[in-house]
Protein backbone atom coordinates (compact mmCIF):
# COMPACT_ATOMS: atom_id res chain seq x y z
CA MET A 1 4.22 5.47 2.04
CA LYS A 2 5.71 6.65 5.42
CA LYS A 3 3.33 5.91 8.17
CA HIS A 4 2.92 9.53 9.22
CA SER A 5 2.10 10.48 5.49
CA PHE A 6 -0.60 7.85 5.51
CA LEU A 7 -2.21 9.07 8.75
CA TYR A 8 -2.07 12.60 7.18
CA LEU A 9 -3.55 11.49 4.08
CA HIS A 10 -6.31 9.54 5.88
CA SER A 11 -7.09 12.76 7.83
CA VAL A 12 -7.34 14.87 4.88
CA LEU A 13 -9.74 12.28 3.23
CA VAL A 14 -11.93 12.19 6.49
CA ILE A 15 -12.25 16.16 6.15
CA ALA A 16 -13.02 15.79 2.37
CA ALA A 17 -15.94 13.38 3.34
CA LEU A 18 -17.02 15.63 5.77
CA PHE A 19 -17.22 18.77 3.64
CA GLY A 20 -18.07 17.25 0.18
CA TRP A 21 -14.74 17.43 -1.56
CA ALA A 22 -14.10 17.99 -4.50
CA LEU A 23 -15.01 21.72 -4.34
CA PRO A 24 -17.00 23.04 -7.37
CA SER A 25 -15.80 25.96 -9.40
CA ALA A 26 -17.12 29.29 -8.60
CA ALA A 27 -19.57 29.30 -11.45
CA ALA A 28 -21.19 26.05 -10.16
CA GLN A 29 -21.19 26.58 -6.65
CA ASP A 30 -24.87 27.62 -6.56
CA LYS A 31 -26.18 24.61 -8.52
CA ALA A 32 -27.37 21.34 -7.09
CA PRO A 33 -24.67 18.70 -7.01
CA VAL A 34 -24.70 15.47 -8.94
CA TYR A 35 -23.74 12.61 -6.83
CA LEU A 36 -21.33 9.67 -7.29
CA GLY A 37 -21.34 6.88 -4.55
CA LEU A 38 -18.39 4.76 -3.39
CA ASP A 39 -18.91 1.63 -1.53
CA ALA A 40 -15.76 -0.13 -0.56
CA GLU A 41 -13.92 -1.76 2.28
CA PHE A 42 -12.67 1.46 4.24
CA GLY A 43 -12.90 -0.50 7.51
CA HIS A 44 -10.46 -3.03 6.43
CA LEU A 45 -7.50 -2.52 8.67
CA THR A 46 -4.74 -3.24 5.97
CA SER A 47 -6.43 -2.39 2.74
CA THR A 48 -5.31 0.64 0.94
CA SER A 49 -7.53 0.10 -2.19
CA PRO A 50 -10.61 2.04 -1.24
CA LEU A 51 -8.14 5.07 -0.43
CA ALA A 52 -6.69 4.99 -3.99
CA ILE A 53 -9.86 4.69 -5.53
CA LYS A 54 -11.33 7.38 -3.54
CA MET A 55 -8.28 9.54 -4.37
CA GLY A 56 -8.51 8.72 -8.13
CA ILE A 57 -12.21 9.80 -8.12
CA LEU A 58 -11.68 12.93 -6.19
CA THR A 59 -8.66 14.03 -8.45
CA ALA A 60 -10.81 13.48 -11.57
CA MET A 61 -13.83 15.36 -9.92
CA GLU A 62 -11.63 18.33 -9.14
CA GLU A 63 -10.39 18.62 -12.66
CA ILE A 64 -14.14 18.32 -13.90
CA ASN A 65 -15.71 20.72 -11.35
CA SER A 66 -13.04 23.23 -12.13
CA ALA A 67 -13.51 22.97 -15.71
CA GLY A 68 -17.39 23.86 -14.88
CA GLY A 69 -18.93 20.69 -13.72
CA VAL A 70 -21.50 18.63 -15.58
CA LEU A 71 -25.02 19.06 -16.95
CA GLY A 72 -24.73 22.85 -17.41
CA GLY A 73 -22.44 23.77 -14.36
CA ARG A 74 -23.60 21.26 -11.65
CA PRO A 75 -20.63 20.15 -9.37
CA LEU A 76 -19.82 16.48 -8.89
CA GLN A 77 -19.77 15.32 -5.30
CA LEU A 78 -19.05 12.03 -3.56
CA ILE A 79 -20.86 10.06 -1.16
CA GLU A 80 -19.09 7.02 0.57
CA ARG A 81 -20.06 3.98 2.36
CA ASP A 82 -18.00 1.41 4.15
CA ASN A 83 -18.80 -2.22 3.51
CA ARG A 84 -15.75 -3.81 5.50
CA SER A 85 -15.37 -6.15 2.84
CA ILE A 86 -18.64 -7.91 3.93
CA PRO A 87 -20.92 -8.85 0.91
CA ALA A 88 -24.38 -8.27 2.66
CA ARG A 89 -23.16 -5.03 4.10
CA GLY A 90 -22.22 -4.09 0.58
CA VAL A 91 -25.68 -4.97 -0.85
CA ASP A 92 -27.28 -2.79 1.98
CA ASN A 93 -24.97 0.08 1.08
CA LEU A 94 -25.86 0.11 -2.58
CA LYS A 95 -29.59 0.08 -1.81
CA ASP A 96 -29.01 2.98 0.65
CA LEU A 97 -26.92 4.92 -2.05
CA ALA A 98 -29.49 4.18 -4.86
CA ALA A 99 -32.13 5.90 -2.69
CA GLN A 100 -30.16 9.24 -2.97
CA ALA A 101 -31.63 11.59 -5.57
CA ASP A 102 -29.34 12.69 -8.32
CA LEU A 103 -27.05 9.90 -7.70
CA VAL A 104 -25.98 8.72 -10.87
CA ALA A 105 -23.55 5.67 -10.34
CA VAL A 106 -21.78 3.76 -7.70
CA PHE A 107 -18.29 2.89 -7.60
CA VAL A 108 -17.23 -0.48 -5.90
CA GLY A 109 -14.08 -1.57 -4.30
CA LYS A 110 -11.35 -4.21 -4.47
CA PHE A 111 -13.12 -7.50 -2.89
CA SER A 112 -14.82 -9.66 -5.77
CA PRO A 113 -17.11 -11.53 -3.34
CA VAL A 114 -18.71 -8.17 -2.38
CA VAL A 115 -19.18 -6.85 -5.99
CA LEU A 116 -20.62 -10.19 -7.22
CA GLU A 117 -23.48 -9.74 -4.80
CA GLN A 118 -23.96 -6.19 -5.84
CA ALA A 119 -24.13 -6.63 -9.26
CA PRO A 120 -27.48 -8.20 -9.92
CA VAL A 121 -28.88 -5.89 -7.21
CA ALA A 122 -27.43 -3.02 -9.33
CA ASN A 123 -29.45 -4.67 -12.43
CA ALA A 124 -32.64 -4.71 -10.35
CA LEU A 125 -32.14 -1.13 -8.94
CA LYS A 126 -31.20 -0.03 -12.54
CA ILE A 127 -28.16 1.91 -11.43
CA PRO A 128 -24.93 1.94 -13.04
CA LEU A 129 -22.18 -0.03 -11.01
CA LEU A 130 -18.59 1.16 -11.80
CA ASP A 131 -15.89 -1.44 -11.03
CA PRO A 132 -12.41 -0.09 -10.76
CA TRP A 133 -10.64 -3.13 -9.22
CA ALA A 134 -12.55 -6.20 -8.45
CA ALA A 135 -11.25 -8.95 -10.99
CA ALA A 136 -13.66 -12.02 -10.90
CA ASP A 137 -14.91 -12.75 -14.44
CA ASP A 138 -18.45 -13.15 -13.56
CA ILE A 139 -18.81 -9.70 -12.46
CA ILE A 140 -19.23 -8.80 -15.98
CA SER A 141 -21.59 -10.63 -18.33
CA THR A 142 -20.45 -11.97 -21.50
CA LYS A 143 -23.75 -10.58 -23.07
CA PRO A 144 -23.94 -7.18 -21.14
CA ALA A 145 -27.21 -6.02 -22.98
CA ASN A 146 -29.30 -4.17 -20.29
CA THR A 147 -26.98 -4.99 -17.41
CA PHE A 148 -25.94 -2.05 -15.29
CA THR A 149 -22.08 -3.14 -14.37
CA PHE A 150 -19.13 -1.54 -16.17
CA ARG A 151 -15.43 -2.45 -15.46
CA LEU A 152 -12.29 -0.65 -16.00
CA SER A 153 -9.86 -3.17 -14.51
CA LEU A 154 -8.25 -6.36 -14.74
CA ARG A 155 -10.21 -9.68 -15.06
CA ASP A 156 -9.18 -13.23 -13.75
CA SER A 157 -9.07 -14.59 -17.35
CA TRP A 158 -6.43 -12.25 -18.20
CA ALA A 159 -4.40 -12.64 -15.01
CA VAL A 160 -4.21 -16.45 -14.89
CA PRO A 161 -2.51 -16.90 -18.42
CA ALA A 162 -0.23 -13.95 -17.71
CA MET A 163 1.05 -15.36 -14.36
CA LEU A 164 1.54 -18.88 -15.86
CA SER A 165 3.28 -17.49 -18.77
CA HIS A 166 5.61 -15.65 -16.42
CA LEU A 167 6.61 -18.83 -14.56
CA LYS A 168 7.04 -20.58 -17.89
CA SER A 169 9.73 -17.72 -18.84
CA LYS A 170 11.50 -18.63 -15.52
CA GLY A 171 11.89 -22.11 -16.73
CA LYS A 172 8.95 -23.57 -14.43
CA LYS A 173 6.99 -26.61 -15.24
CA ARG A 174 5.24 -27.65 -12.04
CA VAL A 175 3.03 -24.94 -10.55
CA GLY A 176 1.35 -25.27 -7.19
CA VAL A 177 -1.55 -22.94 -6.55
CA MET A 178 -3.01 -21.38 -3.35
CA LEU A 179 -6.50 -20.12 -3.73
CA PRO A 180 -8.71 -18.36 -1.12
CA SER A 181 -12.16 -20.22 -0.16
CA THR A 182 -14.19 -17.30 -1.68
CA ALA A 183 -15.98 -16.57 -4.87
CA TRP A 184 -12.89 -15.05 -6.20
CA GLY A 185 -10.80 -18.19 -5.56
CA ARG A 186 -13.45 -20.36 -7.25
CA SER A 187 -13.14 -17.93 -10.26
CA ASN A 188 -9.59 -18.42 -10.56
CA GLU A 189 -9.90 -22.18 -10.15
CA LYS A 190 -11.97 -22.62 -13.16
CA LEU A 191 -9.60 -20.65 -15.46
CA LEU A 192 -6.69 -22.82 -13.95
CA GLN A 193 -8.30 -25.86 -14.70
CA ALA A 194 -8.81 -24.73 -18.17
CA HIS A 195 -5.37 -23.21 -18.76
CA GLY A 196 -3.79 -26.31 -16.97
CA LYS A 197 -4.56 -28.44 -20.01
CA THR A 198 -2.72 -26.15 -22.31
CA LYS A 199 0.60 -27.92 -23.21
CA GLN A 200 2.32 -24.35 -23.91
CA LEU A 201 1.88 -23.49 -20.21
CA PRO A 202 3.32 -25.04 -17.12
CA GLU A 203 1.28 -27.91 -15.61
CA VAL A 204 -0.78 -27.14 -12.46
CA VAL A 205 0.19 -30.01 -10.07
CA GLY A 206 -2.05 -29.12 -7.22
CA ILE A 207 -4.55 -26.47 -5.76
CA GLN A 208 -4.65 -25.89 -2.05
CA TRP A 209 -7.40 -23.65 -0.36
CA TYR A 210 -6.97 -21.38 2.46
CA ASN A 211 -9.31 -19.07 4.58
CA PHE A 212 -8.91 -15.29 4.80
CA GLY A 213 -7.45 -14.69 8.21
CA ALA A 214 -5.38 -17.71 8.17
CA THR A 215 -2.37 -17.78 10.52
CA THR A 216 -0.15 -20.07 8.66
CA LEU A 217 0.15 -21.28 5.09
CA ASN A 218 2.81 -23.97 5.76
CA PRO A 219 0.19 -26.86 5.54
CA GLN A 220 -0.75 -25.75 1.98
CA TRP A 221 2.90 -25.38 0.80
CA LEU A 222 3.88 -28.83 2.22
CA SER A 223 1.13 -30.58 0.31
CA LEU A 224 2.20 -28.75 -2.80
CA LYS A 225 5.90 -29.53 -2.26
CA ARG A 226 4.72 -33.32 -1.84
CA GLU A 227 3.46 -32.98 -5.55
CA LYS A 228 7.00 -31.61 -6.70
CA ALA A 229 5.82 -28.15 -7.18
CA ASP A 230 8.68 -25.92 -8.54
CA SER A 231 6.75 -22.56 -8.25
CA LEU A 232 3.80 -21.13 -6.68
CA LEU A 233 0.81 -19.15 -7.92
CA PHE A 234 -0.93 -17.28 -5.35
CA VAL A 235 -4.29 -15.55 -5.38
CA GLY A 236 -5.12 -13.50 -2.19
CA ASN A 237 -4.70 -10.08 -0.58
CA GLU A 238 -1.96 -8.45 1.42
CA GLY A 239 -2.53 -10.31 4.78
CA GLU A 240 -1.99 -13.85 3.39
CA GLY A 241 0.33 -12.86 0.79
CA SER A 242 2.61 -11.33 3.40
CA LEU A 243 2.13 -14.35 5.56
CA LEU A 244 3.25 -16.70 2.50
CA VAL A 245 6.35 -14.69 1.81
CA ARG A 246 7.52 -14.75 5.49
CA GLU A 247 7.12 -18.24 5.88
CA LEU A 248 8.89 -19.16 2.58
CA SER A 249 11.71 -16.78 3.35
CA GLU A 250 12.42 -18.91 6.65
CA LEU A 251 12.93 -21.92 4.51
CA PRO A 252 16.35 -23.27 3.07
CA ASP A 253 17.38 -21.65 -0.23
CA ALA A 254 16.75 -24.78 -2.24
CA GLU A 255 12.99 -24.69 -1.11
CA ARG A 256 12.27 -21.33 -1.84
CA VAL A 257 10.40 -21.33 -5.06
CA PRO A 258 9.42 -18.37 -7.28
CA VAL A 259 6.00 -16.89 -6.45
CA VAL A 260 3.75 -14.96 -8.74
CA SER A 261 0.96 -13.35 -7.12
CA HIS A 262 -2.74 -11.97 -8.39
CA TRP A 263 -2.84 -8.22 -7.64
CA GLY A 264 -4.66 -8.19 -4.34
CA VAL A 265 -1.60 -7.74 -2.39
CA THR A 266 -0.96 -4.46 -3.85
CA GLY A 267 -4.30 -3.26 -2.41
CA GLY A 268 -2.80 -2.97 0.95
CA ASN A 269 0.19 -2.37 3.43
CA PHE A 270 2.10 -5.44 1.73
CA LEU A 271 5.58 -4.10 2.14
CA LYS A 272 5.04 -2.90 5.78
CA LEU A 273 3.36 -6.57 6.49
CA VAL A 274 6.02 -8.58 4.86
CA GLY A 275 9.40 -6.48 6.10
CA ALA A 276 12.61 -7.74 4.96
CA SER A 277 11.48 -11.15 4.05
CA LEU A 278 10.61 -9.92 0.54
CA ASP A 279 14.35 -9.82 0.07
CA ARG A 280 14.69 -13.49 0.39
CA VAL A 281 11.96 -14.52 -2.06
CA ASP A 282 11.43 -14.23 -5.68
CA PHE A 283 8.00 -12.44 -5.70
CA SER A 284 6.21 -10.91 -8.61
CA VAL A 285 2.55 -9.46 -9.14
CA VAL A 286 0.02 -8.91 -11.89
CA GLN A 287 -0.62 -5.29 -12.62
CA THR A 288 -2.24 -2.98 -15.42
CA PHE A 289 -0.71 0.39 -14.56
CA THR A 290 1.98 1.96 -12.43
CA PHE A 291 3.26 5.46 -12.18
CA GLU A 292 6.66 4.26 -11.93
CA GLY A 293 8.60 5.36 -15.08
CA ARG A 294 5.76 7.62 -16.45
CA SER A 295 6.83 10.91 -17.42
CA ASP A 296 4.31 11.91 -20.15
CA PRO A 297 2.52 15.25 -19.80
CA LYS A 298 -0.92 13.62 -18.76
CA THR A 299 0.74 11.71 -15.92
CA GLN A 300 2.58 14.60 -14.49
CA SER A 301 -0.40 16.79 -14.61
CA VAL A 302 -2.41 14.20 -12.63
CA VAL A 303 0.42 13.65 -10.13
CA ARG A 304 0.73 17.37 -9.57
CA LEU A 305 -3.00 17.87 -8.97
CA ALA A 306 -3.16 14.69 -6.53
CA SER A 307 -0.04 15.99 -4.81
CA GLN A 308 -1.71 19.54 -4.20
CA LEU A 309 -5.14 17.89 -3.15
CA PHE A 310 -3.49 15.35 -0.66
CA LYS A 311 -0.29 17.08 0.32
CA LEU A 312 1.80 14.30 -1.18
CA ASN A 313 5.51 14.53 -1.93
CA SER A 314 5.41 12.51 -5.21
CA ASP A 315 3.50 9.58 -6.87
CA LYS A 316 5.17 7.24 -4.61
CA ASP A 317 3.05 8.48 -1.97
CA ILE A 318 -0.23 7.42 -3.89
CA PRO A 319 -1.11 4.06 -2.50
CA SER A 320 -2.25 1.31 -4.85
CA HIS A 321 -1.46 2.87 -8.14
CA VAL A 322 -3.94 0.62 -10.26
CA GLY A 323 -6.80 1.54 -7.94
CA PHE A 324 -6.16 5.32 -8.57
CA ALA A 325 -5.72 5.21 -12.25
CA HIS A 326 -8.52 2.98 -12.96
CA ALA A 327 -10.98 5.15 -10.77
CA TYR A 328 -9.70 8.24 -12.27
CA ASP A 329 -10.48 7.29 -15.81
CA LEU A 330 -13.86 5.89 -14.96
CA THR A 331 -14.73 9.19 -13.28
CA HIS A 332 -13.86 11.09 -16.57
CA ILE A 333 -15.56 8.46 -18.69
CA LEU A 334 -18.72 8.95 -16.43
CA ALA A 335 -18.75 12.60 -16.75
CA LEU A 336 -18.52 12.40 -20.57
CA ALA A 337 -21.52 10.05 -20.40
CA LEU A 338 -23.58 12.52 -18.39
CA GLY A 339 -22.96 14.99 -21.00
CA ILE A 340 -24.34 12.59 -23.55
CA ALA A 341 -27.46 11.61 -21.43
CA GLY A 342 -28.31 15.31 -20.44
CA SER A 343 -29.61 14.11 -17.20
CA THR A 344 -29.15 12.32 -14.10
CA ASP A 345 -31.66 9.58 -15.23
CA ARG A 346 -29.78 6.40 -14.57
CA GLN A 347 -30.97 4.39 -17.39
CA ALA A 348 -29.93 7.28 -19.64
CA VAL A 349 -26.57 7.34 -18.07
CA ARG A 350 -26.19 3.61 -18.51
CA SER A 351 -26.89 3.82 -22.14
CA ALA A 352 -24.60 6.87 -22.49
CA LEU A 353 -21.79 4.79 -20.88
CA GLU A 354 -21.83 2.74 -24.15
CA LYS A 355 -21.57 5.79 -26.31
CA VAL A 356 -18.58 7.36 -24.89
CA ARG A 357 -15.94 7.91 -27.63
CA ASP A 358 -12.24 9.18 -27.89
CA TYR A 359 -11.31 9.90 -24.12
CA ALA A 360 -7.62 10.48 -23.61
CA GLY A 361 -7.12 8.81 -20.20
CA LEU A 362 -4.39 8.28 -17.75
CA ILE A 363 -4.02 4.57 -18.80
CA GLN A 364 -4.64 4.72 -22.42
CA ASN A 365 -6.64 6.67 -25.05
CA TYR A 366 -10.03 5.08 -25.14
CA LYS A 367 -11.60 4.91 -28.54
CA ASN A 368 -14.61 3.57 -27.23
CA PRO A 369 -14.34 2.50 -23.55
CA PHE A 370 -17.73 0.46 -23.41
CA SER A 371 -20.22 -0.63 -25.94
CA PRO A 372 -23.37 -2.71 -26.11
CA THR A 373 -21.51 -5.84 -26.48
CA ASN A 374 -18.47 -5.17 -24.25
CA HIS A 375 -18.56 -3.58 -20.66
CA GLU A 376 -14.76 -3.99 -20.10
CA ALA A 377 -12.75 -0.96 -20.78
CA LEU A 378 -9.37 -2.60 -20.76
CA SER A 379 -8.19 -5.83 -22.28
CA ALA A 380 -5.46 -8.40 -21.88
CA ARG A 381 -2.85 -6.19 -23.47
CA HIS A 382 -2.74 -3.97 -20.29
CA VAL A 383 -1.55 -7.05 -18.10
CA PHE A 384 2.07 -7.14 -17.12
CA ILE A 385 3.94 -8.75 -14.37
CA GLY A 386 5.81 -6.33 -11.97
CA ARG A 387 7.78 -6.22 -8.85
CA PHE A 388 7.86 -4.17 -5.72
CA THR A 389 10.47 -1.42 -5.46
CA SER A 390 11.91 -0.41 -2.29
CA THR A 391 9.39 2.52 -1.96
CA GLY A 392 6.28 0.27 -2.35
CA THR A 393 5.47 1.03 -6.01
CA ILE A 394 5.48 -1.57 -8.75
CA ALA A 395 8.22 -1.61 -11.44
CA ARG A 396 7.63 -3.05 -14.82
CA PRO A 397 10.16 -5.76 -15.97
C-alpha cells in the first residue's frame, strides 16, 4: 500500500473509533448497541495486522448492521484497546473490556505471547476470546470443554510441516531454523523437534534463537552455515524477517539459501522494510488466505464494501489479507451465535458459538465452525506457501 493510502486509512479508522463505526441501520439506531472488543498491538510501529483485523470486523459489522443488527435490531459497535504487543498490558485490557456491559466477546491480535497470557484470564472471566491471527498451538486447548477461546486462524502444528514440505519440494535436505526467544518460538521448537524425526521431511540441523529488536542475524546464520544448512526456516515478524532478507541478500550467490517464513512477516510493512533486497533472495511464506486471484461474487462484494468504507482503490490496499478475512468471518459467526443465544449473556454466547451451522464465509463454507470438541474453525488444508507480489499481496504458487 502506498504511504499516503496507509496514512489516509489510519485517519479514517481513528475517526471510526471516535464515532463508533460501523453505523447502524436506520431501524436500529434507537436501540442499545451490543459491543465487541478488540485488543491488539496498535502501538507497534511496523505492524499492520491490527489494522487488517479491525477492517475485517468493521466490514462485517456494516453488513450485519445494515441488515438490521442483532438481537431484534440492536447494532454492533466496536471498542478497541492497544496492548503494544506487551502481554501484561493485554491482560489488563482484557479485564477492562470485560467490565463493559453488553460486551459479548473480545478479538485479539497477532502476537501469540500476548494471547497465551489472555486465554486463561478469559476462562476465569468467562468471556469469549476470539483469535483471528495468533498461531501458537497452546492458545486453543485440545480439550476445549468449558474453555472460552475460539480460533479462526493458522496454528503452528499446521505451519511447521507445510514449511518443511516446501523446502523438501525444492530439493533441500538440511534445514537451519531461526526462532524468537518467546512463547511463540518455543511452540515452534517443540513441533520442529517432533517433525525433525520424520524421515520423509528434511533434517533440522540446528536451531538458533534471537530476540525481538535484534540488529543483526548474521551470527545465527553463520552458526547454521557451520552445520551445513542448505535452507532456512524462519519464525518471526516483519522487523526481523526483513533484517534476515537484507543480510542474506548481501552474501555471494552461492550462500543465499532459500528461506521459508512463518506468516508473522505478513502482518506488517515487510516490503517497505526489506526493499529491493527481496529480489535477490528466494523467500516464501505460510498463508491461509489471499485476495489475489479471487474473483467469486462473495469476495468481490466484500472488497467493494471495504473499498467504500475505507476509500481504497482495490483489494491490494487491504493490509495483511489473512487478518482481514479471518476477522470478517469470525464476526459473522459471532453474530449468528448471538442469534442462537438470544441475549448478551457471555456463557450463552460461548455455548452458541459451538452450535453455529452453515455459514457461507469469505474463506470457506463453514458447516460447523466450532463444536464442543473443536475450537479451531480452519484446518491444515487451508495452509499454502505463497510469495510476495510487487504490490505487497501474497500469490499462491
